[in-house]
């Protein structure tokens, strides 16, 4: 196991030194393919420019999928790691280098145990998670149509290294975007009576949107709405013709998501009209809420405990994760892997403790093995 851990750490450091952002994971894709080919693992013909889809097992019987994302972030690294990013302005600040390495380790373990597998394990090395592209792109190929259950993981800098965080039902939010353009009538700053000023309308709308969560959505529902940008005009003595805001709304269920969009549109149009303006509302749905199957959350918890891995009940998060798309129509579970307490995800000083790589790989491999057995015996 020490040699296995050493190999995984070398792979991890290489990925960390060479981060690639969404849709640009060409080197990472090649390195993943090289490792899998060396292990004699079947690589499927994936019709995407980046990403890898492979499988271990008979190719028949139940099918379980394990997923890791590969893309980095446009962040300038500020750590003092000996394997710091060598690409200016790019960094693995979300642990995807750890995810990819752990799945490669699980792939190697599953290949060693291939004769014992009671079905097939599909290995998803996914591009573009950070831009909500990769999961839908993978699903769109049709190569996952026979998968019965999905499992994934994510590093967590709020959990001690070697501990897993697992929770049933909704654990992550839908990270939707909205934008509003308020249209009025511009003119001279000294003659507001000859204009329809969109700036007061914008200011009122920002305040009104804060009431959407506190007054229009149940206090028993999890919802966050943030206006993150406001813009109007370009000089001091001209009333602009338009004003713009944009922001995000995070919800933990499809019903709350529908209601949130409806209320944003309704509020924007009503507030703009009260000031004699009109509002054009844009709304973009990103990944859906991530909802773990209760029975499989219980299963992974039990398996971890059998393996002697500490488990805590994971705290829900309003961050989004496109693994949710795999669980839209299928059962599965997304697990948090404690990689040491430290700076937050997406922070330039974010780090993970690679010492838990081999244990994480073993957990993934065992999860696939045990779930195949359960499905075969069902």
Protein backbone atom coordinates (compact mmCIF):
# COMPACT_ATOMS: atom_id res chain seq x y z
CA UNK A 1 0.00 0.00 0.00
CA UNK A 2 2.92 2.38 0.66
CA UNK A 3 4.15 1.95 -2.92
CA UNK A 4 0.60 2.49 -4.20
CA UNK A 5 0.30 5.67 -2.13
CA UNK A 6 3.65 6.89 -3.43
CA UNK A 7 2.56 6.34 -7.03
CA UNK A 8 -0.68 8.23 -6.48
CA UNK A 9 1.10 11.14 -4.83
CA UNK A 10 3.45 11.44 -7.82
CA UNK A 11 0.47 11.52 -10.19
CA UNK A 12 -1.31 14.07 -7.99
CA UNK A 13 1.69 16.40 -7.89
CA UNK A 14 2.01 16.24 -11.67
CA UNK A 15 -1.64 17.18 -12.14
CA UNK A 16 -1.27 20.00 -9.63
CA UNK A 17 1.77 21.41 -11.42
CA UNK A 18 -0.08 21.44 -14.75
CA UNK A 19 -3.62 22.75 -14.17
CA UNK A 20 -5.94 23.11 -17.16
CA UNK A 21 -9.21 25.01 -17.08
CA UNK A 22 -12.57 23.85 -18.45
CA UNK A 23 -12.57 22.47 -22.01
CA UNK A 24 -8.77 22.76 -22.13
CA UNK A 25 -7.88 19.58 -20.22
CA UNK A 26 -5.86 18.09 -23.10
CA UNK A 27 -2.73 17.20 -21.16
CA UNK A 28 -4.75 15.86 -18.23
CA UNK A 29 -6.81 13.75 -20.63
CA UNK A 30 -3.66 12.31 -22.17
CA UNK A 31 -2.10 11.52 -18.78
CA UNK A 32 -5.28 9.77 -17.65
CA UNK A 33 -5.38 7.72 -20.83
CA UNK A 34 -1.71 6.75 -20.47
CA UNK A 35 -2.23 5.49 -16.93
CA UNK A 36 -5.35 3.51 -17.83
CA UNK A 37 -3.68 1.97 -20.88
CA UNK A 38 -0.73 0.92 -18.74
CA UNK A 39 -3.16 -0.85 -16.41
CA UNK A 40 -4.81 -2.61 -19.34
CA UNK A 41 -8.13 -0.86 -18.71
CA UNK A 42 -10.58 -0.51 -21.58
CA UNK A 43 -11.04 3.08 -22.77
CA UNK A 44 -14.29 3.85 -24.55
CA UNK A 45 -14.53 6.02 -27.64
CA UNK A 46 -15.72 9.32 -26.16
CA UNK A 47 -16.85 11.88 -28.77
CA UNK A 48 -15.63 14.88 -26.75
CA UNK A 49 -12.38 16.86 -27.16
CA UNK A 50 -11.40 16.35 -23.50
CA UNK A 51 -12.37 13.86 -20.84
CA UNK A 52 -12.05 10.08 -20.60
CA UNK A 53 -14.59 7.31 -20.21
CA UNK A 54 -13.32 3.83 -19.35
CA UNK A 55 -14.66 0.65 -17.85
CA UNK A 56 -13.61 -2.34 -15.79
CA UNK A 57 -15.50 -5.61 -15.55
CA UNK A 58 -17.34 -7.99 -17.81
CA UNK A 59 -19.21 -5.35 -19.79
CA UNK A 60 -22.40 -7.09 -18.72
CA UNK A 61 -24.65 -7.23 -15.70
CA UNK A 62 -25.25 -4.28 -13.39
CA UNK A 63 -23.38 -1.06 -14.20
CA UNK A 64 -22.04 1.35 -11.57
CA UNK A 65 -20.34 4.65 -12.43
CA UNK A 66 -17.61 6.44 -10.49
CA UNK A 67 -16.97 10.05 -11.45
CA UNK A 68 -14.10 12.52 -10.98
CA UNK A 69 -13.82 16.01 -12.47
CA UNK A 70 -10.56 17.22 -14.04
CA UNK A 71 -10.67 20.98 -14.66
CA UNK A 72 -8.79 23.67 -12.74
CA UNK A 73 -9.64 27.31 -12.07
CA UNK A 74 -8.39 30.67 -13.41
CA UNK A 75 -6.74 31.44 -10.06
CA UNK A 76 -3.14 32.50 -9.39
CA UNK A 77 -1.76 30.06 -6.84
CA UNK A 78 -0.36 31.55 -3.61
CA UNK A 79 0.80 28.41 -1.80
CA UNK A 80 4.37 27.45 -0.97
CA UNK A 81 3.95 23.84 -2.10
CA UNK A 82 7.02 22.22 -3.69
CA UNK A 83 4.72 21.25 -6.56
CA UNK A 84 3.09 24.65 -7.05
CA UNK A 85 1.28 25.36 -10.33
CA UNK A 86 3.64 26.07 -13.20
CA UNK A 87 0.91 27.70 -15.28
CA UNK A 88 0.47 31.42 -14.53
CA UNK A 89 -3.08 32.36 -13.60
CA UNK A 90 -4.32 28.79 -13.28
CA UNK A 91 -4.55 26.55 -10.24
CA UNK A 92 -6.22 23.42 -8.92
CA UNK A 93 -8.01 25.41 -6.22
CA UNK A 94 -10.94 22.98 -5.93
CA UNK A 95 -9.23 19.61 -5.53
CA UNK A 96 -10.02 18.19 -8.95
CA UNK A 97 -6.42 17.00 -9.21
CA UNK A 98 -7.09 14.93 -6.07
CA UNK A 99 -10.39 13.62 -7.47
CA UNK A 100 -8.81 12.49 -10.74
CA UNK A 101 -5.90 10.82 -8.98
CA UNK A 102 -8.15 9.00 -6.51
CA UNK A 103 -10.29 7.65 -9.37
CA UNK A 104 -7.18 6.46 -11.21
CA UNK A 105 -6.21 4.64 -8.04
CA UNK A 106 -9.67 3.08 -7.78
CA UNK A 107 -9.44 2.04 -11.44
CA UNK A 108 -6.15 0.23 -10.79
CA UNK A 109 -7.60 -1.56 -7.76
CA UNK A 110 -10.72 -2.59 -9.65
CA UNK A 111 -8.63 -3.91 -12.52
CA UNK A 112 -6.73 -6.12 -10.08
CA UNK A 113 -10.09 -7.46 -8.83
CA UNK A 114 -11.79 -7.58 -12.21
CA UNK A 115 -12.49 -11.32 -12.06
CA UNK A 116 -14.38 -10.78 -8.79
CA UNK A 117 -16.63 -7.98 -10.05
CA UNK A 118 -20.33 -8.81 -10.35
CA UNK A 119 -20.85 -6.48 -13.28
CA UNK A 120 -19.27 -3.39 -14.84
CA UNK A 121 -17.78 -0.22 -13.41
CA UNK A 122 -17.81 2.83 -15.68
CA UNK A 123 -15.05 5.35 -14.90
CA UNK A 124 -15.94 8.96 -15.70
CA UNK A 125 -13.07 11.46 -15.91
CA UNK A 126 -15.17 14.54 -16.56
CA UNK A 127 -14.12 17.89 -18.04
CA UNK A 128 -15.71 21.26 -17.43
CA UNK A 129 -17.36 20.93 -14.02
CA UNK A 130 -16.56 24.52 -13.11
CA UNK A 131 -18.64 25.85 -16.02
CA UNK A 132 -21.52 23.37 -15.66
CA UNK A 133 -20.64 21.75 -18.96
CA UNK A 134 -19.10 18.36 -18.34
CA UNK A 135 -21.84 16.24 -16.75
CA UNK A 136 -24.44 17.06 -19.39
CA UNK A 137 -21.84 16.59 -22.13
CA UNK A 138 -20.97 13.13 -20.79
CA UNK A 139 -24.61 12.15 -20.45
CA UNK A 140 -25.32 13.47 -23.93
CA UNK A 141 -22.98 10.92 -25.52
CA UNK A 142 -25.36 8.07 -24.70
CA UNK A 143 -22.43 6.04 -23.33
CA UNK A 144 -23.87 6.18 -19.83
CA UNK A 145 -27.41 5.15 -20.67
CA UNK A 146 -27.02 1.76 -18.99
CA UNK A 147 -25.60 3.08 -15.72
CA UNK A 148 -27.78 2.22 -12.74
CA UNK A 149 -26.07 4.17 -9.93
CA UNK A 150 -23.55 7.03 -9.74
CA UNK A 151 -20.96 7.81 -7.09
CA UNK A 152 -18.69 10.84 -6.79
CA UNK A 153 -16.57 12.71 -4.27
CA UNK A 154 -15.21 16.14 -3.45
CA UNK A 155 -12.44 17.39 -1.22
CA UNK A 156 -13.54 19.38 1.82
CA UNK A 157 -11.21 21.81 3.64
CA UNK A 158 -13.62 21.91 6.57
CA UNK A 159 -13.13 18.24 7.48
CA UNK A 160 -10.09 16.60 9.02
CA UNK A 161 -7.96 14.55 6.64
CA UNK A 162 -9.13 10.95 6.42
CA UNK A 163 -12.71 11.64 7.54
CA UNK A 164 -15.68 11.39 5.18
CA UNK A 165 -18.73 13.66 5.18
CA UNK A 166 -21.92 11.96 4.04
CA UNK A 167 -25.54 13.12 4.14
CA UNK A 168 -28.83 12.00 2.64
CA UNK A 169 -31.23 14.05 0.47
CA UNK A 170 -30.34 17.61 -0.65
CA UNK A 171 -26.68 18.45 0.00
CA UNK A 172 -25.81 21.10 -2.62
CA UNK A 173 -27.77 23.82 -4.38
CA UNK A 174 -28.71 24.86 -7.89
CA UNK A 175 -26.37 27.83 -8.65
CA UNK A 176 -28.63 29.78 -11.03
CA UNK A 177 -27.78 33.14 -12.61
CA UNK A 178 -30.13 36.06 -13.14
CA UNK A 179 -29.71 39.44 -14.79
CA UNK A 180 -32.07 42.40 -15.08
CA UNK A 181 -31.86 45.34 -17.47
CA UNK A 182 -34.07 48.25 -16.41
CA UNK A 183 -34.97 50.51 -19.31
CA UNK A 184 -35.95 54.12 -18.78
CA UNK A 185 -35.28 57.35 -20.67
CA UNK A 186 -31.96 59.12 -20.36
CA UNK A 187 -31.24 62.83 -20.34
CA UNK A 188 -29.53 65.70 -18.56
CA UNK A 189 -28.81 65.26 -14.87
CA UNK A 190 -30.26 68.72 -14.24
CA UNK A 191 -33.60 67.81 -15.83
CA UNK A 192 -34.83 64.56 -14.27
CA UNK A 193 -38.44 65.60 -14.94
CA UNK A 194 -37.75 65.15 -18.65
CA UNK A 195 -36.33 61.65 -18.10
CA UNK A 196 -37.41 58.29 -16.75
CA UNK A 197 -34.55 57.57 -14.39
CA UNK A 198 -33.69 53.83 -14.12
CA UNK A 199 -31.22 54.35 -11.26
CA UNK A 200 -33.78 54.73 -8.44
CA UNK A 201 -35.63 51.77 -9.92
CA UNK A 202 -32.42 49.73 -9.82
CA UNK A 203 -31.77 50.74 -6.20
CA UNK A 204 -35.29 49.78 -5.17
CA UNK A 205 -35.07 46.51 -7.04
CA UNK A 206 -31.88 45.54 -5.22
CA UNK A 207 -33.64 46.10 -1.90
CA UNK A 208 -36.85 44.40 -3.04
CA UNK A 209 -34.99 41.28 -4.13
CA UNK A 210 -33.65 40.91 -0.59
CA UNK A 211 -37.25 40.45 0.52
CA UNK A 212 -37.82 37.54 -1.85
CA UNK A 213 -36.13 35.08 0.49
CA UNK A 214 -37.24 36.62 3.80
CA UNK A 215 -40.87 37.29 2.85
CA UNK A 216 -41.85 35.17 -0.15
CA UNK A 217 -40.11 31.82 0.44
CA UNK A 218 -40.84 29.54 3.39
CA UNK A 219 -38.45 29.95 6.35
CA UNK A 220 -38.18 26.15 6.34
CA UNK A 221 -36.66 26.21 2.85
CA UNK A 222 -32.98 26.76 2.11
CA UNK A 223 -32.52 29.65 -0.31
CA UNK A 224 -29.87 32.31 -0.93
CA UNK A 225 -30.27 35.29 -3.26
CA UNK A 226 -27.35 37.66 -3.85
CA UNK A 227 -27.13 40.68 -6.13
CA UNK A 228 -23.46 40.70 -7.07
CA UNK A 229 -23.17 43.43 -9.71
CA UNK A 230 -24.92 46.75 -10.36
CA UNK A 231 -24.14 49.16 -13.19
CA UNK A 232 -25.62 52.37 -14.59
CA UNK A 233 -24.29 55.29 -16.58
CA UNK A 234 -20.74 56.39 -17.33
CA UNK A 235 -20.50 60.02 -16.24
CA UNK A 236 -21.64 62.37 -13.47
CA UNK A 237 -24.10 64.68 -15.21
CA UNK A 238 -26.12 62.36 -17.44
CA UNK A 239 -29.10 60.28 -16.39
CA UNK A 240 -28.59 56.94 -18.14
CA UNK A 241 -31.20 55.24 -20.24
CA UNK A 242 -30.60 51.82 -18.70
CA UNK A 243 -29.36 50.22 -15.50
CA UNK A 244 -28.29 46.62 -14.96
CA UNK A 245 -27.93 44.18 -12.13
CA UNK A 246 -27.00 40.53 -11.98
CA UNK A 247 -26.67 37.93 -9.29
CA UNK A 248 -27.34 34.38 -8.21
CA UNK A 249 -30.10 32.47 -6.48
CA UNK A 250 -29.38 29.14 -4.79
CA UNK A 251 -32.13 26.64 -3.94
CA UNK A 252 -32.19 23.04 -2.70
CA UNK A 253 -35.21 21.65 -4.56
CA UNK A 254 -36.72 21.87 -8.03
CA UNK A 255 -39.92 23.36 -6.59
CA UNK A 256 -38.06 26.16 -4.80
CA UNK A 257 -36.03 26.73 -7.93
CA UNK A 258 -39.18 27.28 -10.01
CA UNK A 259 -40.62 29.59 -7.36
CA UNK A 260 -37.39 31.58 -7.10
CA UNK A 261 -37.27 32.27 -10.84
CA UNK A 262 -40.93 33.26 -10.85
CA UNK A 263 -40.47 35.71 -7.97
CA UNK A 264 -37.38 37.33 -9.48
CA UNK A 265 -39.22 37.98 -12.73
CA UNK A 266 -42.34 39.22 -10.95
CA UNK A 267 -40.42 41.51 -8.59
CA UNK A 268 -38.26 43.03 -11.33
CA UNK A 269 -41.18 43.79 -13.61
CA UNK A 270 -43.33 45.23 -10.79
CA UNK A 271 -40.60 47.46 -9.32
CA UNK A 272 -39.58 48.77 -12.74
CA UNK A 273 -43.19 49.57 -13.61
CA UNK A 274 -43.61 51.52 -10.36
CA UNK A 275 -40.89 53.90 -11.58
CA UNK A 276 -42.23 54.14 -15.12
CA UNK A 277 -39.56 51.80 -16.45
CA UNK A 278 -39.60 48.36 -18.00
CA UNK A 279 -37.49 45.35 -17.03
CA UNK A 280 -35.93 42.67 -19.19
CA UNK A 281 -35.11 39.63 -17.05
CA UNK A 282 -32.59 36.98 -17.98
CA UNK A 283 -32.39 33.71 -16.06
CA UNK A 284 -29.96 30.85 -16.66
CA UNK A 285 -30.35 27.52 -14.98
CA UNK A 286 -27.05 25.92 -14.07
CA UNK A 287 -26.83 22.46 -12.50
CA UNK A 288 -29.84 21.27 -10.54
CA UNK A 289 -29.80 20.67 -6.76
CA UNK A 290 -27.65 17.69 -5.76
CA UNK A 291 -29.83 15.17 -3.95
CA UNK A 292 -28.28 12.03 -2.47
CA UNK A 293 -30.38 8.88 -2.39
CA UNK A 294 -31.04 8.18 1.32
CA UNK A 295 -30.49 4.42 1.07
CA UNK A 296 -27.17 4.88 -0.73
CA UNK A 297 -26.01 7.57 1.70
CA UNK A 298 -26.68 5.02 4.45
CA UNK A 299 -24.84 2.35 2.46
CA UNK A 300 -21.71 4.44 1.91
CA UNK A 301 -21.75 5.47 5.57
CA UNK A 302 -21.93 1.84 6.64
CA UNK A 303 -19.18 0.81 4.23
CA UNK A 304 -16.85 3.55 5.47
CA UNK A 305 -17.43 2.50 9.06
CA UNK A 306 -16.70 -1.13 8.15
CA UNK A 307 -13.43 0.04 6.63
CA UNK A 308 -12.55 1.96 9.78
CA UNK A 309 -12.94 5.35 8.11
CA UNK A 310 -14.39 8.08 10.39
CA UNK A 311 -17.66 9.55 9.10
CA UNK A 312 -19.50 12.73 10.01
CA UNK A 313 -22.91 13.93 8.82
CA UNK A 314 -22.03 16.36 6.08
CA UNK A 315 -23.27 19.93 6.31
CA UNK A 316 -25.38 21.04 3.32
CA UNK A 317 -23.83 23.69 1.06
CA UNK A 318 -25.31 26.37 -1.20
CA UNK A 319 -22.42 25.82 -3.64
CA UNK A 320 -23.38 24.10 -6.91
CA UNK A 321 -21.99 20.87 -8.37
CA UNK A 322 -22.89 19.40 -11.76
CA UNK A 323 -22.67 15.83 -10.43
CA UNK A 324 -26.32 16.59 -9.67
CA UNK A 325 -27.15 16.00 -13.33
CA UNK A 326 -26.19 12.33 -13.04
CA UNK A 327 -28.64 11.95 -10.16
CA UNK A 328 -31.55 13.60 -11.94
CA UNK A 329 -32.95 10.26 -13.06
CA UNK A 330 -30.72 7.80 -11.19
CA UNK A 331 -29.86 6.94 -7.60
CA UNK A 332 -26.42 7.70 -6.25
CA UNK A 333 -24.34 9.40 -3.60
CA UNK A 334 -21.84 12.26 -3.51
CA UNK A 335 -19.33 12.09 -0.66
CA UNK A 336 -17.10 14.74 0.90
CA UNK A 337 -13.51 13.69 1.55
CA UNK A 338 -11.75 15.49 4.36
CA UNK A 339 -8.34 16.61 3.12
CA UNK A 340 -7.30 18.75 6.06
CA UNK A 341 -8.57 22.00 7.60
CA UNK A 342 -7.43 24.97 5.56
CA UNK A 343 -8.39 27.81 3.17
CA UNK A 344 -11.72 27.50 1.37
CA UNK A 345 -12.36 25.98 -2.03
CA UNK A 346 -11.41 28.39 -4.87
CA UNK A 347 -9.01 30.26 -2.58
CA UNK A 348 -5.49 30.90 -3.96
CA UNK A 349 -4.01 29.23 -0.87
CA UNK A 350 -6.23 26.14 -0.99
CA UNK A 351 -4.37 22.87 -0.44
CA UNK A 352 -5.23 19.22 0.13
CA UNK A 353 -3.43 16.53 2.11
CA UNK A 354 -2.47 13.87 -0.46
CA UNK A 355 -1.77 11.29 2.26
CA UNK A 356 -5.38 10.12 2.07
CA UNK A 357 -5.27 9.32 -1.66
CA UNK A 358 -4.84 5.56 -1.34
CA UNK A 359 -7.55 5.31 1.30
CA UNK A 360 -9.93 7.32 -0.88
CA UNK A 361 -9.15 5.12 -3.89
CA UNK A 362 -9.86 2.01 -1.82
CA UNK A 363 -13.15 3.47 -0.63
CA UNK A 364 -14.25 4.20 -4.21
CA UNK A 365 -13.25 0.73 -5.40
CA UNK A 366 -15.03 -0.98 -2.51
CA UNK A 367 -18.14 1.13 -3.09
CA UNK A 368 -18.33 -0.07 -6.70
CA UNK A 369 -17.65 -3.70 -5.75
CA UNK A 370 -20.25 -3.81 -3.00
CA UNK A 371 -22.94 -2.01 -4.99
CA UNK A 372 -22.47 -4.38 -7.94
CA UNK A 373 -22.95 -7.30 -5.55
CA UNK A 374 -26.07 -5.71 -4.11
CA UNK A 375 -27.58 -5.05 -7.53
CA UNK A 376 -26.73 -8.57 -8.75
CA UNK A 377 -28.44 -10.07 -5.71
CA UNK A 378 -31.47 -7.78 -5.77
